[in-house]
Amino acid sequence: MGDYARGKIMLEKMPFIVSFTIILSILFLIFNKTVNALEIGEQAPNFLLPGSDGNTHSLSNLKGQWVVLAWFPKAFTGG
């Protein structure tokens, strides 16, 4: 296939590529949610999480203590 044929194929695909890019950009703008991150020193919201020990833990129960949250997906899962 020569350079002319390749160029012709690219020109034929160009409207699809441009349309797809525009639609994807519009969808991103519509469904993009801004997350309000906490500022340094700001109080974290309370939450409940199940622990690996089988108990449910609340952030408010740990007030005044150092808290480290660590998580990872279970082995052989999609998460």
N, C-alpha and C. Protein backbone atom coordinates (compact mmCIF):
# COMPACT_ATOMS: atom_id res chain seq x y z
N MET A 1 0.87 -1.17 0.00
CA MET A 1 0.00 0.00 0.00
C MET A 1 0.91 1.23 0.00
N GLY A 2 0.63 2.13 -0.89
CA GLY A 2 1.44 3.32 -1.02
C GLY A 2 1.06 4.41 -0.05
N ASP A 3 1.88 5.47 -0.05
CA ASP A 3 1.62 6.59 0.85
C ASP A 3 0.31 7.28 0.49
N TYR A 4 -0.02 7.33 -0.78
CA TYR A 4 -1.26 7.97 -1.20
C TYR A 4 -2.47 7.22 -0.64
N ALA A 5 -2.45 5.88 -0.74
CA ALA A 5 -3.57 5.06 -0.26
C ALA A 5 -3.72 5.18 1.26
N ARG A 6 -2.58 5.19 1.96
CA ARG A 6 -2.64 5.34 3.43
C ARG A 6 -3.20 6.71 3.81
N GLY A 7 -2.79 7.74 3.11
CA GLY A 7 -3.30 9.08 3.37
C GLY A 7 -4.79 9.18 3.10
N LYS A 8 -5.25 8.53 2.04
CA LYS A 8 -6.67 8.55 1.71
C LYS A 8 -7.49 7.84 2.79
N ILE A 9 -6.99 6.71 3.30
CA ILE A 9 -7.68 5.99 4.37
C ILE A 9 -7.76 6.86 5.63
N MET A 10 -6.67 7.53 5.97
CA MET A 10 -6.66 8.40 7.15
C MET A 10 -7.66 9.54 6.99
N LEU A 11 -7.76 10.12 5.81
CA LEU A 11 -8.72 11.19 5.58
C LEU A 11 -10.15 10.69 5.70
N GLU A 12 -10.38 9.46 5.29
CA GLU A 12 -11.72 8.88 5.41
C GLU A 12 -12.09 8.63 6.87
N LYS A 13 -11.11 8.31 7.71
CA LYS A 13 -11.35 8.03 9.13
C LYS A 13 -11.39 9.30 9.98
N MET A 14 -10.91 10.40 9.45
CA MET A 14 -10.78 11.63 10.23
C MET A 14 -12.10 12.12 10.83
N PRO A 15 -13.23 12.14 10.10
CA PRO A 15 -14.49 12.59 10.71
C PRO A 15 -14.89 11.74 11.92
N PHE A 16 -14.67 10.43 11.84
CA PHE A 16 -14.99 9.55 12.96
C PHE A 16 -14.10 9.88 14.16
N ILE A 17 -12.82 10.06 13.93
CA ILE A 17 -11.88 10.35 15.01
C ILE A 17 -12.22 11.67 15.68
N VAL A 18 -12.51 12.69 14.90
CA VAL A 18 -12.86 14.01 15.44
C VAL A 18 -14.18 13.93 16.21
N SER A 19 -15.18 13.26 15.65
CA SER A 19 -16.48 13.13 16.32
C SER A 19 -16.34 12.38 17.64
N PHE A 20 -15.60 11.30 17.62
CA PHE A 20 -15.38 10.51 18.83
C PHE A 20 -14.68 11.33 19.91
N THR A 21 -13.69 12.11 19.53
CA THR A 21 -12.97 12.95 20.48
C THR A 21 -13.88 14.01 21.08
N ILE A 22 -14.71 14.62 20.27
CA ILE A 22 -15.63 15.66 20.76
C ILE A 22 -16.66 15.05 21.71
N ILE A 23 -17.24 13.92 21.33
CA ILE A 23 -18.24 13.27 22.18
C ILE A 23 -17.62 12.84 23.51
N LEU A 24 -16.44 12.27 23.46
CA LEU A 24 -15.75 11.85 24.67
C LEU A 24 -15.45 13.04 25.58
N SER A 25 -15.05 14.15 25.00
CA SER A 25 -14.78 15.36 25.78
C SER A 25 -16.04 15.90 26.44
N ILE A 26 -17.14 15.91 25.71
CA ILE A 26 -18.41 16.39 26.27
C ILE A 26 -18.87 15.48 27.41
N LEU A 27 -18.77 14.16 27.23
CA LEU A 27 -19.16 13.23 28.29
C LEU A 27 -18.29 13.41 29.52
N PHE A 28 -17.01 13.64 29.33
CA PHE A 28 -16.11 13.88 30.46
C PHE A 28 -16.53 15.13 31.22
N LEU A 29 -16.87 16.19 30.51
CA LEU A 29 -17.28 17.44 31.17
C LEU A 29 -18.60 17.28 31.90
N ILE A 30 -19.51 16.48 31.36
CA ILE A 30 -20.82 16.29 31.99
C ILE A 30 -20.70 15.44 33.25
N PHE A 31 -19.96 14.34 33.17
CA PHE A 31 -19.92 13.38 34.27
C PHE A 31 -18.72 13.54 35.20
N ASN A 32 -17.90 14.53 34.96
CA ASN A 32 -16.75 14.76 35.83
C ASN A 32 -17.22 15.36 37.15
N LYS A 33 -16.92 14.70 38.24
CA LYS A 33 -17.27 15.21 39.56
C LYS A 33 -15.99 15.71 40.23
N THR A 34 -16.07 16.91 40.74
CA THR A 34 -14.93 17.42 41.48
C THR A 34 -15.05 16.95 42.92
N VAL A 35 -13.96 16.49 43.44
CA VAL A 35 -13.93 16.01 44.81
C VAL A 35 -13.32 17.11 45.67
N ASN A 36 -14.02 17.43 46.74
CA ASN A 36 -13.50 18.44 47.64
C ASN A 36 -12.55 17.77 48.62
N ALA A 37 -11.28 17.93 48.38
CA ALA A 37 -10.26 17.33 49.24
C ALA A 37 -10.17 18.11 50.55
N LEU A 38 -9.79 17.43 51.60
CA LEU A 38 -9.59 18.08 52.88
C LEU A 38 -8.31 18.89 52.85
N GLU A 39 -8.34 20.01 53.52
CA GLU A 39 -7.13 20.82 53.68
C GLU A 39 -6.33 20.25 54.84
N ILE A 40 -5.06 20.56 54.87
CA ILE A 40 -4.20 20.11 55.97
C ILE A 40 -4.73 20.68 57.28
N GLY A 41 -4.91 19.82 58.27
CA GLY A 41 -5.41 20.23 59.57
C GLY A 41 -6.92 20.20 59.70
N GLU A 42 -7.62 19.99 58.58
CA GLU A 42 -9.08 19.94 58.61
C GLU A 42 -9.54 18.58 59.15
N GLN A 43 -10.64 18.57 59.88
CA GLN A 43 -11.15 17.35 60.48
C GLN A 43 -11.72 16.43 59.41
N ALA A 44 -11.35 15.15 59.50
CA ALA A 44 -11.86 14.16 58.55
C ALA A 44 -13.29 13.79 58.92
N PRO A 45 -14.13 13.49 57.94
CA PRO A 45 -15.51 13.07 58.25
C PRO A 45 -15.50 11.69 58.90
N ASN A 46 -16.47 11.45 59.77
CA ASN A 46 -16.57 10.17 60.44
C ASN A 46 -17.02 9.10 59.44
N PHE A 47 -16.56 7.87 59.65
CA PHE A 47 -16.98 6.76 58.81
C PHE A 47 -16.87 5.47 59.60
N LEU A 48 -17.54 4.46 59.13
CA LEU A 48 -17.48 3.11 59.69
C LEU A 48 -16.87 2.19 58.65
N LEU A 49 -15.93 1.36 59.08
CA LEU A 49 -15.31 0.40 58.17
C LEU A 49 -15.17 -0.95 58.86
N PRO A 50 -15.40 -2.03 58.11
CA PRO A 50 -15.16 -3.36 58.69
C PRO A 50 -13.66 -3.62 58.73
N GLY A 51 -13.20 -4.13 59.85
CA GLY A 51 -11.78 -4.45 60.00
C GLY A 51 -11.50 -5.89 59.67
N SER A 52 -10.23 -6.22 59.48
CA SER A 52 -9.85 -7.59 59.19
C SER A 52 -10.04 -8.49 60.40
N ASP A 53 -10.28 -7.86 61.59
CA ASP A 53 -10.55 -8.63 62.80
C ASP A 53 -12.02 -9.00 62.94
N GLY A 54 -12.86 -8.59 61.98
CA GLY A 54 -14.28 -8.91 62.00
C GLY A 54 -15.13 -7.85 62.69
N ASN A 55 -14.51 -6.87 63.33
CA ASN A 55 -15.25 -5.80 64.01
C ASN A 55 -15.41 -4.60 63.08
N THR A 56 -16.43 -3.78 63.37
CA THR A 56 -16.63 -2.53 62.64
C THR A 56 -15.97 -1.41 63.44
N HIS A 57 -15.17 -0.62 62.76
CA HIS A 57 -14.41 0.44 63.42
C HIS A 57 -14.92 1.80 62.96
N SER A 58 -15.01 2.73 63.90
CA SER A 58 -15.48 4.08 63.63
C SER A 58 -14.31 5.05 63.83
N LEU A 59 -14.19 6.00 62.95
CA LEU A 59 -13.12 6.99 63.09
C LEU A 59 -13.30 7.81 64.37
N SER A 60 -14.54 8.09 64.74
CA SER A 60 -14.78 8.91 65.94
C SER A 60 -14.31 8.20 67.21
N ASN A 61 -14.28 6.86 67.22
CA ASN A 61 -13.79 6.12 68.38
C ASN A 61 -12.28 6.23 68.54
N LEU A 62 -11.61 6.67 67.51
CA LEU A 62 -10.15 6.76 67.54
C LEU A 62 -9.67 8.19 67.68
N LYS A 63 -10.55 9.10 68.05
CA LYS A 63 -10.21 10.52 68.15
C LYS A 63 -9.04 10.70 69.11
N GLY A 64 -8.08 11.51 68.71
CA GLY A 64 -6.90 11.78 69.51
C GLY A 64 -5.78 10.78 69.31
N GLN A 65 -6.00 9.76 68.50
CA GLN A 65 -4.98 8.76 68.22
C GLN A 65 -4.53 8.86 66.77
N TRP A 66 -3.35 8.35 66.49
CA TRP A 66 -2.89 8.27 65.11
C TRP A 66 -3.69 7.20 64.40
N VAL A 67 -4.12 7.47 63.18
CA VAL A 67 -4.90 6.51 62.40
C VAL A 67 -4.26 6.35 61.02
N VAL A 68 -4.01 5.12 60.64
CA VAL A 68 -3.48 4.81 59.31
C VAL A 68 -4.47 3.86 58.64
N LEU A 69 -4.93 4.24 57.47
CA LEU A 69 -5.83 3.38 56.69
C LEU A 69 -5.02 2.72 55.59
N ALA A 70 -5.06 1.41 55.54
CA ALA A 70 -4.37 0.66 54.49
C ALA A 70 -5.36 -0.30 53.87
N TRP A 71 -5.40 -0.35 52.57
CA TRP A 71 -6.32 -1.26 51.90
C TRP A 71 -5.68 -1.76 50.62
N PHE A 72 -6.12 -2.92 50.19
CA PHE A 72 -5.66 -3.51 48.95
C PHE A 72 -6.72 -4.50 48.48
N PRO A 73 -6.76 -4.77 47.19
CA PRO A 73 -7.75 -5.73 46.70
C PRO A 73 -7.38 -7.15 47.13
N LYS A 74 -8.40 -7.97 47.29
CA LYS A 74 -8.14 -9.37 47.61
C LYS A 74 -7.45 -10.02 46.42
N ALA A 75 -6.72 -11.06 46.70
CA ALA A 75 -6.02 -11.78 45.64
C ALA A 75 -7.01 -12.36 44.63
N PHE A 76 -6.63 -12.30 43.38
CA PHE A 76 -7.40 -12.87 42.28
C PHE A 76 -8.77 -12.24 42.09
N THR A 77 -8.89 -10.95 42.40
CA THR A 77 -10.13 -10.23 42.16
C THR A 77 -9.86 -9.09 41.19
N GLY A 78 -10.91 -8.55 40.62
CA GLY A 78 -10.76 -7.44 39.69
C GLY A 78 -10.55 -6.10 40.38
N GLY A 79 -10.75 -6.04 41.70
CA GLY A 79 -10.65 -4.78 42.43
C GLY A 79 -9.29 -4.51 42.86
